[in-house]
């Protein structure tokens, strides 16, 4: 009669041979049997999307950051940007610009679309532009230009919104640096203000 220790030793010796062989057999089925992995899906891009990217190249989530000549920190981001053919410009969607002024205030501008012109140092925001300032203004206009080299943004079309004094409308507006008054927001061309005193 074989001892229990001898039976266990034979089982271990046999397992050392059979288990690696079983593993090898399983692995070989992954590589040798035809049809495995045909329906894995590949890259998650449709052929139409690849063709569109090749025909109309674009950048996703582009961003720009810098400092103007007068010390304002400026950051610009978009959802997508597409280069314009034959021009050093890009059209962008879902634009957002933030100006952190040296005096501690800030201005945020958002728009559904726009044009970026790095060579000219300018961004033009279009189509439902919203301007929000830390000093309490919320303004809306259809088009606004932003200088990327100095602290300046302006709208030469109708502007409406609310400010600390009440509701206002104007034919144009400009944010710029004044030598004696710091950074000022100026409204021009038929300004109307409905004064709303705060209780």
C-alpha atoms as a PDB file:
ATOM      1  CA  UNK A   1       0.000   0.000   0.000  1.00  0.00           C
ATOM      2  CA  UNK A   2       1.400   3.422  -1.057  1.00  0.00           C
ATOM      3  CA  UNK A   3       1.887   6.002   1.629  1.00  0.00           C
ATOM      4  CA  UNK A   4      -0.240   9.193   1.561  1.00  0.00           C
ATOM      5  CA  UNK A   5       2.882  11.347   1.157  1.00  0.00           C
ATOM      6  CA  UNK A   6       3.892   9.386  -1.934  1.00  0.00           C
ATOM      7  CA  UNK A   7       0.431   9.864  -3.526  1.00  0.00           C
ATOM      8  CA  UNK A   8       0.516  13.620  -2.881  1.00  0.00           C
ATOM      9  CA  UNK A   9       4.015  13.878  -4.380  1.00  0.00           C
ATOM     10  CA  UNK A  10       2.872  12.071  -7.532  1.00  0.00           C
ATOM     11  CA  UNK A  11      -0.162  14.416  -7.808  1.00  0.00           C
ATOM     12  CA  UNK A  12       2.040  17.518  -7.537  1.00  0.00           C
ATOM     13  CA  UNK A  13       4.508  16.174 -10.119  1.00  0.00           C
ATOM     14  CA  UNK A  14       1.660  15.376 -12.518  1.00  0.00           C
ATOM     15  CA  UNK A  15       0.030  18.839 -11.973  1.00  0.00           C
ATOM     16  CA  UNK A  16       3.341  20.521 -12.841  1.00  0.00           C
ATOM     17  CA  UNK A  17       3.133  18.945 -16.282  1.00  0.00           C
ATOM     18  CA  UNK A  18      -0.611  19.015 -17.002  1.00  0.00           C
ATOM     19  CA  UNK A  19      -1.446  22.571 -15.875  1.00  0.00           C
ATOM     20  CA  UNK A  20       1.107  24.334 -18.166  1.00  0.00           C
ATOM     21  CA  UNK A  21      -0.044  22.134 -21.066  1.00  0.00           C
ATOM     22  CA  UNK A  22      -3.684  23.103 -20.413  1.00  0.00           C
ATOM     23  CA  UNK A  23      -2.750  26.783 -20.313  1.00  0.00           C
ATOM     24  CA  UNK A  24      -0.841  26.444 -23.585  1.00  0.00           C
ATOM     25  CA  UNK A  25      -3.858  24.778 -25.198  1.00  0.00           C
ATOM     26  CA  UNK A  26      -6.150  27.631 -24.085  1.00  0.00           C
ATOM     27  CA  UNK A  27      -3.792  30.292 -25.401  1.00  0.00           C
ATOM     28  CA  UNK A  28      -3.396  28.549 -28.742  1.00  0.00           C
ATOM     29  CA  UNK A  29      -7.169  28.713 -29.309  1.00  0.00           C
ATOM     30  CA  UNK A  30      -6.989  32.524 -29.135  1.00  0.00           C
ATOM     31  CA  UNK A  31      -4.450  32.749 -31.951  1.00  0.00           C
ATOM     32  CA  UNK A  32      -4.973  29.664 -34.099  1.00  0.00           C
ATOM     33  CA  UNK A  33      -8.741  29.374 -34.473  1.00  0.00           C
ATOM     34  CA  UNK A  34     -10.118  31.491 -37.367  1.00  0.00           C
ATOM     35  CA  UNK A  35     -12.789  34.137 -36.784  1.00  0.00           C
ATOM     36  CA  UNK A  36     -11.802  35.052 -33.235  1.00  0.00           C
ATOM     37  CA  UNK A  37     -11.901  38.814 -32.713  1.00  0.00           C
ATOM     38  CA  UNK A  38     -13.508  39.654 -36.071  1.00  0.00           C
ATOM     39  CA  UNK A  39     -16.386  41.484 -34.388  1.00  0.00           C
ATOM     40  CA  UNK A  40     -14.252  43.448 -31.933  1.00  0.00           C
ATOM     41  CA  UNK A  41     -15.352  46.729 -33.529  1.00  0.00           C
ATOM     42  CA  UNK A  42     -11.905  48.189 -34.170  1.00  0.00           C
ATOM     43  CA  UNK A  43     -11.467  51.918 -33.689  1.00  0.00           C
ATOM     44  CA  UNK A  44     -14.655  53.694 -32.548  1.00  0.00           C
ATOM     45  CA  UNK A  45     -14.799  55.999 -35.588  1.00  0.00           C
ATOM     46  CA  UNK A  46     -17.262  55.770 -38.433  1.00  0.00           C
ATOM     47  CA  UNK A  47     -15.861  55.923 -41.960  1.00  0.00           C
ATOM     48  CA  UNK A  48     -17.886  59.103 -42.566  1.00  0.00           C
ATOM     49  CA  UNK A  49     -16.227  60.828 -39.591  1.00  0.00           C
ATOM     50  CA  UNK A  50     -12.728  59.857 -40.784  1.00  0.00           C
ATOM     51  CA  UNK A  51     -13.454  61.209 -44.268  1.00  0.00           C
ATOM     52  CA  UNK A  52     -14.804  64.459 -42.787  1.00  0.00           C
ATOM     53  CA  UNK A  53     -11.659  64.890 -40.651  1.00  0.00           C
ATOM     54  CA  UNK A  54      -9.461  64.355 -43.702  1.00  0.00           C
ATOM     55  CA  UNK A  55     -11.470  66.815 -45.808  1.00  0.00           C
ATOM     56  CA  UNK A  56     -12.009  69.445 -43.074  1.00  0.00           C
ATOM     57  CA  UNK A  57      -9.245  69.240 -40.455  1.00  0.00           C
ATOM     58  CA  UNK A  58      -9.972  70.634 -37.009  1.00  0.00           C
ATOM     59  CA  UNK A  59      -8.484  70.947 -33.546  1.00  0.00           C
ATOM     60  CA  UNK A  60     -10.504  69.869 -30.519  1.00  0.00           C
ATOM     61  CA  UNK A  61     -10.355  71.897 -27.289  1.00  0.00           C
ATOM     62  CA  UNK A  62      -7.725  74.429 -28.417  1.00  0.00           C
ATOM     63  CA  UNK A  63      -6.536  76.963 -25.845  1.00  0.00           C
ATOM     64  CA  UNK A  64      -4.331  80.039 -25.746  1.00  0.00           C
ATOM     65  CA  UNK A  65      -2.893  81.877 -22.773  1.00  0.00           C
ATOM     66  CA  UNK A  66      -0.648  84.910 -22.514  1.00  0.00           C
ATOM     67  CA  UNK A  67      -0.068  88.325 -21.014  1.00  0.00           C
ATOM     68  CA  UNK A  68      -0.845  91.607 -22.795  1.00  0.00           C
ATOM     69  CA  UNK A  69       1.661  94.438 -23.051  1.00  0.00           C
ATOM     70  CA  UNK A  70      -0.037  96.227 -20.146  1.00  0.00           C
ATOM     71  CA  UNK A  71      -0.049  93.193 -17.824  1.00  0.00           C
ATOM     72  CA  UNK A  72      -3.471  91.613 -18.288  1.00  0.00           C
ATOM     73  CA  UNK A  73      -3.534  87.820 -18.193  1.00  0.00           C
ATOM     74  CA  UNK A  74      -5.630  86.536 -21.075  1.00  0.00           C
ATOM     75  CA  UNK A  75      -6.856  83.005 -21.721  1.00  0.00           C
ATOM     76  CA  UNK A  76      -8.902  81.820 -24.677  1.00  0.00           C
ATOM     77  CA  UNK A  77     -10.465  78.404 -25.262  1.00  0.00           C
ATOM     78  CA  UNK A  78     -12.874  76.838 -27.755  1.00  0.00           C
ATOM     79  CA  UNK A  79     -14.651  73.574 -28.387  1.00  0.00           C
ATOM     80  CA  UNK A  80     -13.211  73.244 -31.895  1.00  0.00           C
ATOM     81  CA  UNK A  81     -11.153  75.321 -34.310  1.00  0.00           C
ATOM     82  CA  UNK A  82     -10.808  74.907 -38.085  1.00  0.00           C
ATOM     83  CA  UNK A  83      -8.147  76.636 -40.202  1.00  0.00           C
ATOM     84  CA  UNK A  84      -9.436  78.841 -43.004  1.00  0.00           C
ATOM     85  CA  UNK A  85      -8.021  77.861 -46.385  1.00  0.00           C
ATOM     86  CA  UNK A  86      -5.587  80.416 -47.775  1.00  0.00           C
ATOM     87  CA  UNK A  87      -5.554  82.514 -44.579  1.00  0.00           C
ATOM     88  CA  UNK A  88      -3.691  82.506 -41.287  1.00  0.00           C
ATOM     89  CA  UNK A  89      -7.007  82.467 -39.441  1.00  0.00           C
ATOM     90  CA  UNK A  90      -9.201  79.857 -37.785  1.00  0.00           C
ATOM     91  CA  UNK A  91     -12.933  79.677 -37.245  1.00  0.00           C
ATOM     92  CA  UNK A  92     -13.898  78.466 -33.785  1.00  0.00           C
ATOM     93  CA  UNK A  93     -17.003  77.218 -32.006  1.00  0.00           C
ATOM     94  CA  UNK A  94     -18.038  77.762 -28.373  1.00  0.00           C
ATOM     95  CA  UNK A  95     -15.433  80.433 -27.644  1.00  0.00           C
ATOM     96  CA  UNK A  96     -14.592  81.662 -24.148  1.00  0.00           C
ATOM     97  CA  UNK A  97     -12.186  84.492 -23.295  1.00  0.00           C
ATOM     98  CA  UNK A  98     -11.134  85.554 -19.804  1.00  0.00           C
ATOM     99  CA  UNK A  99      -9.218  88.730 -18.973  1.00  0.00           C
ATOM    100  CA  UNK A 100      -7.635  89.011 -15.525  1.00  0.00           C
ATOM    101  CA  UNK A 101      -6.813  92.702 -15.224  1.00  0.00           C
ATOM    102  CA  UNK A 102      -3.877  94.021 -13.172  1.00  0.00           C
ATOM    103  CA  UNK A 103      -6.275  95.885 -10.857  1.00  0.00           C
ATOM    104  CA  UNK A 104      -7.756  92.552  -9.659  1.00  0.00           C
ATOM    105  CA  UNK A 105     -11.000  92.660 -11.677  1.00  0.00           C
ATOM    106  CA  UNK A 106     -11.811  90.214 -14.459  1.00  0.00           C
ATOM    107  CA  UNK A 107     -13.941  90.016 -17.604  1.00  0.00           C
ATOM    108  CA  UNK A 108     -15.367  86.851 -19.194  1.00  0.00           C
ATOM    109  CA  UNK A 109     -16.644  86.768 -22.781  1.00  0.00           C
ATOM    110  CA  UNK A 110     -18.443  83.791 -24.349  1.00  0.00           C
ATOM    111  CA  UNK A 111     -19.835  83.290 -27.850  1.00  0.00           C
ATOM    112  CA  UNK A 112     -21.154  80.439 -30.017  1.00  0.00           C
ATOM    113  CA  UNK A 113     -18.618  81.151 -32.777  1.00  0.00           C
ATOM    114  CA  UNK A 114     -15.772  83.393 -33.800  1.00  0.00           C
ATOM    115  CA  UNK A 115     -12.634  83.958 -35.848  1.00  0.00           C
ATOM    116  CA  UNK A 116      -9.111  83.791 -34.438  1.00  0.00           C
ATOM    117  CA  UNK A 117      -6.350  85.753 -36.163  1.00  0.00           C
ATOM    118  CA  UNK A 118      -3.076  85.186 -34.265  1.00  0.00           C
ATOM    119  CA  UNK A 119      -1.026  87.108 -36.846  1.00  0.00           C
ATOM    120  CA  UNK A 120      -3.106  90.243 -36.245  1.00  0.00           C
ATOM    121  CA  UNK A 121      -3.397  89.500 -32.526  1.00  0.00           C
ATOM    122  CA  UNK A 122      -7.179  89.610 -32.634  1.00  0.00           C
ATOM    123  CA  UNK A 123     -10.255  87.487 -31.947  1.00  0.00           C
ATOM    124  CA  UNK A 124     -13.727  88.296 -33.288  1.00  0.00           C
ATOM    125  CA  UNK A 125     -16.618  86.720 -31.368  1.00  0.00           C
ATOM    126  CA  UNK A 126     -20.024  86.411 -33.029  1.00  0.00           C
ATOM    127  CA  UNK A 127     -23.615  85.323 -32.580  1.00  0.00           C
ATOM    128  CA  UNK A 128     -25.003  85.989 -29.118  1.00  0.00           C
ATOM    129  CA  UNK A 129     -21.922  87.270 -27.318  1.00  0.00           C
ATOM    130  CA  UNK A 130     -22.157  87.541 -23.513  1.00  0.00           C
ATOM    131  CA  UNK A 131     -19.835  89.760 -21.475  1.00  0.00           C
ATOM    132  CA  UNK A 132     -19.664  89.326 -17.694  1.00  0.00           C
ATOM    133  CA  UNK A 133     -17.496  91.522 -15.468  1.00  0.00           C
ATOM    134  CA  UNK A 134     -16.517  91.154 -11.832  1.00  0.00           C
ATOM    135  CA  UNK A 135     -17.745  94.733 -11.330  1.00  0.00           C
ATOM    136  CA  UNK A 136     -21.360  93.649 -11.908  1.00  0.00           C
ATOM    137  CA  UNK A 137     -22.072  94.019 -15.657  1.00  0.00           C
ATOM    138  CA  UNK A 138     -23.839  91.394 -17.761  1.00  0.00           C
ATOM    139  CA  UNK A 139     -23.971  92.514 -21.383  1.00  0.00           C
ATOM    140  CA  UNK A 140     -25.162  90.997 -24.668  1.00  0.00           C
ATOM    141  CA  UNK A 141     -24.232  91.880 -28.227  1.00  0.00           C
ATOM    142  CA  UNK A 142     -24.011  90.206 -31.625  1.00  0.00           C
ATOM    143  CA  UNK A 143     -20.338  90.845 -32.356  1.00  0.00           C
ATOM    144  CA  UNK A 144     -17.336  91.811 -30.267  1.00  0.00           C
ATOM    145  CA  UNK A 145     -13.637  92.177 -31.086  1.00  0.00           C
ATOM    146  CA  UNK A 146     -10.858  91.383 -28.635  1.00  0.00           C
ATOM    147  CA  UNK A 147      -7.256  92.527 -28.982  1.00  0.00           C
ATOM    148  CA  UNK A 148      -4.929  89.757 -27.785  1.00  0.00           C
ATOM    149  CA  UNK A 149      -1.847  91.996 -27.461  1.00  0.00           C
ATOM    150  CA  UNK A 150      -3.248  94.773 -25.239  1.00  0.00           C
ATOM    151  CA  UNK A 151      -6.237  95.150 -22.916  1.00  0.00           C
ATOM    152  CA  UNK A 152      -8.960  96.192 -25.339  1.00  0.00           C
ATOM    153  CA  UNK A 153     -12.294  94.799 -26.436  1.00  0.00           C
ATOM    154  CA  UNK A 154     -15.043  96.606 -28.276  1.00  0.00           C
ATOM    155  CA  UNK A 155     -18.429  96.173 -29.941  1.00  0.00           C
ATOM    156  CA  UNK A 156     -19.496  98.496 -32.754  1.00  0.00           C
ATOM    157  CA  UNK A 157     -23.055  97.126 -32.760  1.00  0.00           C
ATOM    158  CA  UNK A 158     -25.969  97.379 -30.318  1.00  0.00           C
ATOM    159  CA  UNK A 159     -25.234  96.375 -26.727  1.00  0.00           C
ATOM    160  CA  UNK A 160     -27.805  95.700 -23.999  1.00  0.00           C
ATOM    161  CA  UNK A 161     -27.701  94.350 -20.493  1.00  0.00           C
ATOM    162  CA  UNK A 162     -27.605  95.116 -16.805  1.00  0.00           C
ATOM    163  CA  UNK A 163     -25.087  96.894 -14.628  1.00  0.00           C
ATOM    164  CA  UNK A 164     -24.764  98.137 -11.060  1.00  0.00           C
ATOM    165  CA  UNK A 165     -26.950 101.165 -11.855  1.00  0.00           C
ATOM    166  CA  UNK A 166     -29.698  99.337 -13.780  1.00  0.00           C
ATOM    167  CA  UNK A 167     -30.619  98.255 -17.325  1.00  0.00           C
ATOM    168  CA  UNK A 168     -28.829  99.885 -20.227  1.00  0.00           C
ATOM    169  CA  UNK A 169     -28.649  99.993 -24.019  1.00  0.00           C
ATOM    170  CA  UNK A 170     -26.032 101.535 -26.279  1.00  0.00           C
ATOM    171  CA  UNK A 171     -24.993 101.588 -29.915  1.00  0.00           C
ATOM    172  CA  UNK A 172     -21.417 100.594 -29.055  1.00  0.00           C
ATOM    173  CA  UNK A 173     -19.112  99.869 -26.135  1.00  0.00           C
ATOM    174  CA  UNK A 174     -15.418  99.634 -25.402  1.00  0.00           C
ATOM    175  CA  UNK A 175     -13.237  98.323 -22.598  1.00  0.00           C
ATOM    176  CA  UNK A 176      -9.822  99.912 -22.600  1.00  0.00           C
ATOM    177  CA  UNK A 177      -7.080 101.273 -20.394  1.00  0.00           C
ATOM    178  CA  UNK A 178      -7.195 104.928 -19.407  1.00  0.00           C
ATOM    179  CA  UNK A 179      -4.035 106.667 -18.203  1.00  0.00           C
ATOM    180  CA  UNK A 180      -5.805 108.449 -15.347  1.00  0.00           C
ATOM    181  CA  UNK A 181      -8.752 106.121 -14.528  1.00  0.00           C
ATOM    182  CA  UNK A 182      -7.321 102.612 -14.961  1.00  0.00           C
ATOM    183  CA  UNK A 183      -9.498 100.191 -16.915  1.00  0.00           C
ATOM    184  CA  UNK A 184     -12.832 101.649 -17.996  1.00  0.00           C
ATOM    185  CA  UNK A 185     -15.958 100.338 -19.720  1.00  0.00           C
ATOM    186  CA  UNK A 186     -17.317 103.071 -21.999  1.00  0.00           C
ATOM    187  CA  UNK A 187     -20.778 103.041 -23.636  1.00  0.00           C
ATOM    188  CA  UNK A 188     -21.379 105.192 -26.732  1.00  0.00           C
ATOM    189  CA  UNK A 189     -23.933 106.129 -29.421  1.00  0.00           C
ATOM    190  CA  UNK A 190     -27.352 106.740 -27.941  1.00  0.00           C
ATOM    191  CA  UNK A 191     -26.894 105.353 -24.462  1.00  0.00           C
ATOM    192  CA  UNK A 192     -30.129 104.629 -22.551  1.00  0.00           C
ATOM    193  CA  UNK A 193     -30.055 103.818 -18.853  1.00  0.00           C
ATOM    194  CA  UNK A 194     -33.042 102.767 -16.766  1.00  0.00           C
ATOM    195  CA  UNK A 195     -31.897 103.537 -13.241  1.00  0.00           C
ATOM    196  CA  UNK A 196     -32.710 100.844 -10.705  1.00  0.00           C
ATOM    197  CA  UNK A 197     -31.802 102.011  -7.183  1.00  0.00           C
ATOM    198  CA  UNK A 198     -30.815  99.198  -4.858  1.00  0.00           C
ATOM    199  CA  UNK A 199     -32.786  99.086  -1.612  1.00  0.00           C
END
